[in-house]
Amino acid sequence: MGERIERRKFPRIRDENISVKLSGEGVSAITQSLDVSASGIYCKVDRKIPLMTRVEVLLSIPGNNKSNSSSTMTIEGVVVREHPVKKDGVVQHYDIAIFFNTLLPKERRRLMQYINRKLK
């Protein structure tokens, strides 16, 4: 077997510190990130959200340190992956991946700065 080739354009970090609020197309959820990159976010929700559902994603990014408050950004996204997480055959929650389809350059820079701080 060959090596797995990383195809992601932006680094992805495991991070459960970003508050996430999802809304739109019958969706309303408040949750935390599981991982994040400058192109999308992976999080868990309590109900199934169909693939290709458009959502508004409100992110609350933690500040640099305790003296800096968090900053928020609103991004449009699309659910591109959905996975039920089961325990003893019963769905506990769904892990979903959301692709940011309208991320402005300044928002991407803010996300990258946060991610780069975490990578150090």
C-alpha atoms as a PDB file:
ATOM      1  CA  MET A   1       0.000   0.000   0.000  1.00  0.00           C
ATOM      2  CA  GLY A   2       1.234   3.476  -0.836  1.00  0.00           C
ATOM      3  CA  GLU A   3       1.424   6.453   1.438  1.00  0.00           C
ATOM      4  CA  ARG A   4      -1.707   8.472   1.936  1.00  0.00           C
ATOM      5  CA  ILE A   5      -1.414  11.787   0.131  1.00  0.00           C
ATOM      6  CA  GLU A   6      -2.807  14.834   1.915  1.00  0.00           C
ATOM      7  CA  ARG A   7      -5.108  16.669  -0.473  1.00  0.00           C
ATOM      8  CA  ARG A   8      -6.252  19.426   1.822  1.00  0.00           C
ATOM      9  CA  LYS A   9      -5.334  22.945   0.792  1.00  0.00           C
ATOM     10  CA  PHE A  10      -5.280  24.232   4.392  1.00  0.00           C
ATOM     11  CA  PRO A  11      -4.031  22.560   7.586  1.00  0.00           C
ATOM     12  CA  ARG A  12      -6.709  21.066   9.820  1.00  0.00           C
ATOM     13  CA  ILE A  13      -6.383  21.012  13.602  1.00  0.00           C
ATOM     14  CA  ARG A  14      -8.279  19.107  16.233  1.00  0.00           C
ATOM     15  CA  ASP A  15      -9.913  21.783  18.354  1.00  0.00           C
ATOM     16  CA  GLU A  16     -12.962  21.662  20.609  1.00  0.00           C
ATOM     17  CA  ASN A  17     -12.708  25.298  21.742  1.00  0.00           C
ATOM     18  CA  ILE A  18     -14.716  26.997  18.996  1.00  0.00           C
ATOM     19  CA  SER A  19     -18.374  27.634  19.733  1.00  0.00           C
ATOM     20  CA  VAL A  20     -20.556  26.988  16.698  1.00  0.00           C
ATOM     21  CA  LYS A  21     -24.126  28.063  15.996  1.00  0.00           C
ATOM     22  CA  LEU A  22     -25.790  26.632  12.880  1.00  0.00           C
ATOM     23  CA  SER A  23     -28.959  27.964  11.300  1.00  0.00           C
ATOM     24  CA  GLY A  24     -30.864  27.819   8.015  1.00  0.00           C
ATOM     25  CA  GLU A  25     -32.990  25.434   5.915  1.00  0.00           C
ATOM     26  CA  GLY A  26     -34.740  23.999   8.982  1.00  0.00           C
ATOM     27  CA  VAL A  27     -31.461  23.778  10.912  1.00  0.00           C
ATOM     28  CA  SER A  28     -30.893  25.260  14.346  1.00  0.00           C
ATOM     29  CA  ALA A  29     -28.068  23.930  16.521  1.00  0.00           C
ATOM     30  CA  ILE A  30     -25.502  25.126  19.031  1.00  0.00           C
ATOM     31  CA  THR A  31     -22.406  22.980  19.421  1.00  0.00           C
ATOM     32  CA  GLN A  32     -18.596  22.939  19.628  1.00  0.00           C
ATOM     33  CA  SER A  33     -16.038  22.248  16.936  1.00  0.00           C
ATOM     34  CA  LEU A  34     -14.263  18.901  16.691  1.00  0.00           C
ATOM     35  CA  ASP A  35     -11.727  20.139  14.178  1.00  0.00           C
ATOM     36  CA  VAL A  36     -11.328  23.160  11.942  1.00  0.00           C
ATOM     37  CA  SER A  37      -9.441  24.447   8.920  1.00  0.00           C
ATOM     38  CA  ALA A  38      -9.641  27.601   6.823  1.00  0.00           C
ATOM     39  CA  SER A  39     -11.960  25.744   4.448  1.00  0.00           C
ATOM     40  CA  GLY A  40     -14.407  24.091   6.845  1.00  0.00           C
ATOM     41  CA  ILE A  41     -15.357  22.769  10.240  1.00  0.00           C
ATOM     42  CA  TYR A  42     -16.257  19.365  11.685  1.00  0.00           C
ATOM     43  CA  CYS A  43     -18.722  19.283  14.582  1.00  0.00           C
ATOM     44  CA  LYS A  44     -21.391  17.138  16.194  1.00  0.00           C
ATOM     45  CA  VAL A  45     -25.122  17.788  16.195  1.00  0.00           C
ATOM     46  CA  ASP A  46     -28.068  16.029  17.793  1.00  0.00           C
ATOM     47  CA  ARG A  47     -30.002  15.310  14.598  1.00  0.00           C
ATOM     48  CA  LYS A  48     -29.323  14.357  11.017  1.00  0.00           C
ATOM     49  CA  ILE A  49     -28.692  17.220   8.606  1.00  0.00           C
ATOM     50  CA  PRO A  50     -28.928  16.125   4.968  1.00  0.00           C
ATOM     51  CA  LEU A  51     -25.937  16.471   2.671  1.00  0.00           C
ATOM     52  CA  MET A  52     -25.778  19.679   0.636  1.00  0.00           C
ATOM     53  CA  THR A  53     -27.875  21.568   3.197  1.00  0.00           C
ATOM     54  CA  ARG A  54     -26.877  25.235   3.199  1.00  0.00           C
ATOM     55  CA  VAL A  55     -26.235  26.620   6.667  1.00  0.00           C
ATOM     56  CA  GLU A  56     -25.157  29.851   8.244  1.00  0.00           C
ATOM     57  CA  VAL A  57     -22.266  29.169  10.599  1.00  0.00           C
ATOM     58  CA  LEU A  58     -21.579  31.566  13.460  1.00  0.00           C
ATOM     59  CA  LEU A  59     -18.130  30.851  14.896  1.00  0.00           C
ATOM     60  CA  SER A  60     -16.806  32.203  18.164  1.00  0.00           C
ATOM     61  CA  ILE A  61     -13.000  32.031  17.939  1.00  0.00           C
ATOM     62  CA  PRO A  62     -11.113  32.179  21.275  1.00  0.00           C
ATOM     63  CA  GLY A  63      -8.745  35.124  21.746  1.00  0.00           C
ATOM     64  CA  ASN A  64      -4.938  34.951  22.023  1.00  0.00           C
ATOM     65  CA  ASN A  65      -4.958  34.684  25.801  1.00  0.00           C
ATOM     66  CA  LYS A  66      -7.179  35.232  28.819  1.00  0.00           C
ATOM     67  CA  SER A  67      -7.110  39.011  28.379  1.00  0.00           C
ATOM     68  CA  ASN A  68      -8.328  38.839  24.759  1.00  0.00           C
ATOM     69  CA  SER A  69     -11.998  38.161  24.252  1.00  0.00           C
ATOM     70  CA  SER A  70     -13.252  35.851  21.553  1.00  0.00           C
ATOM     71  CA  SER A  71     -14.185  37.127  18.117  1.00  0.00           C
ATOM     72  CA  THR A  72     -17.119  36.019  16.023  1.00  0.00           C
ATOM     73  CA  MET A  73     -17.618  35.547  12.322  1.00  0.00           C
ATOM     74  CA  THR A  74     -20.594  34.462  10.265  1.00  0.00           C
ATOM     75  CA  ILE A  75     -19.876  32.203   7.301  1.00  0.00           C
ATOM     76  CA  GLU A  76     -22.101  30.475   4.789  1.00  0.00           C
ATOM     77  CA  GLY A  77     -21.424  26.781   4.446  1.00  0.00           C
ATOM     78  CA  VAL A  78     -22.690  23.515   3.013  1.00  0.00           C
ATOM     79  CA  VAL A  79     -22.923  20.154   4.807  1.00  0.00           C
ATOM     80  CA  VAL A  80     -20.648  17.862   2.778  1.00  0.00           C
ATOM     81  CA  ARG A  81     -20.373  14.870   5.112  1.00  0.00           C
ATOM     82  CA  GLU A  82     -22.613  13.374   7.766  1.00  0.00           C
ATOM     83  CA  HIS A  83     -21.863  10.380   9.959  1.00  0.00           C
ATOM     84  CA  PRO A  84     -24.130   8.897  12.653  1.00  0.00           C
ATOM     85  CA  VAL A  85     -22.228   8.001  15.825  1.00  0.00           C
ATOM     86  CA  LYS A  86     -23.773   4.929  17.435  1.00  0.00           C
ATOM     87  CA  LYS A  87     -23.426   3.273  20.816  1.00  0.00           C
ATOM     88  CA  ASP A  88     -24.993  -0.141  21.299  1.00  0.00           C
ATOM     89  CA  GLY A  89     -26.739   0.262  17.947  1.00  0.00           C
ATOM     90  CA  VAL A  90     -28.414   3.549  18.934  1.00  0.00           C
ATOM     91  CA  VAL A  91     -27.500   6.859  17.295  1.00  0.00           C
ATOM     92  CA  GLN A  92     -26.027   9.172  19.946  1.00  0.00           C
ATOM     93  CA  HIS A  93     -25.297  12.131  17.662  1.00  0.00           C
ATOM     94  CA  TYR A  94     -24.157  12.987  14.137  1.00  0.00           C
ATOM     95  CA  ASP A  95     -20.723  14.231  13.148  1.00  0.00           C
ATOM     96  CA  ILE A  96     -20.969  16.623  10.224  1.00  0.00           C
ATOM     97  CA  ALA A  97     -18.439  18.355   7.998  1.00  0.00           C
ATOM     98  CA  ILE A  98     -19.282  21.811   6.720  1.00  0.00           C
ATOM     99  CA  PHE A  99     -17.442  23.356   3.775  1.00  0.00           C
ATOM    100  CA  PHE A 100     -17.165  27.145   3.948  1.00  0.00           C
ATOM    101  CA  ASN A 101     -18.349  28.274   0.531  1.00  0.00           C
ATOM    102  CA  THR A 102     -18.333  32.057   1.056  1.00  0.00           C
ATOM    103  CA  LEU A 103     -15.358  32.755   3.282  1.00  0.00           C
ATOM    104  CA  LEU A 104     -14.003  36.256   2.749  1.00  0.00           C
ATOM    105  CA  PRO A 105     -10.192  36.647   2.538  1.00  0.00           C
ATOM    106  CA  LYS A 106     -10.065  38.575   5.849  1.00  0.00           C
ATOM    107  CA  GLU A 107     -12.075  35.820   7.575  1.00  0.00           C
ATOM    108  CA  ARG A 108      -9.780  33.143   6.121  1.00  0.00           C
ATOM    109  CA  ARG A 109      -6.771  35.097   7.445  1.00  0.00           C
ATOM    110  CA  ARG A 110      -8.352  35.267  10.935  1.00  0.00           C
ATOM    111  CA  LEU A 111      -8.978  31.524  10.908  1.00  0.00           C
ATOM    112  CA  MET A 112      -5.455  30.815   9.642  1.00  0.00           C
ATOM    113  CA  GLN A 113      -3.947  33.023  12.365  1.00  0.00           C
ATOM    114  CA  TYR A 114      -5.887  31.096  15.002  1.00  0.00           C
ATOM    115  CA  ILE A 115      -4.925  27.722  13.496  1.00  0.00           C
ATOM    116  CA  ASN A 116      -1.249  28.727  13.190  1.00  0.00           C
ATOM    117  CA  ARG A 117      -1.209  29.771  16.884  1.00  0.00           C
ATOM    118  CA  LYS A 118      -2.515  26.308  17.782  1.00  0.00           C
ATOM    119  CA  LEU A 119       0.057  24.542  15.576  1.00  0.00           C
ATOM    120  CA  LYS A 120       2.985  26.113  17.484  1.00  0.00           C
END
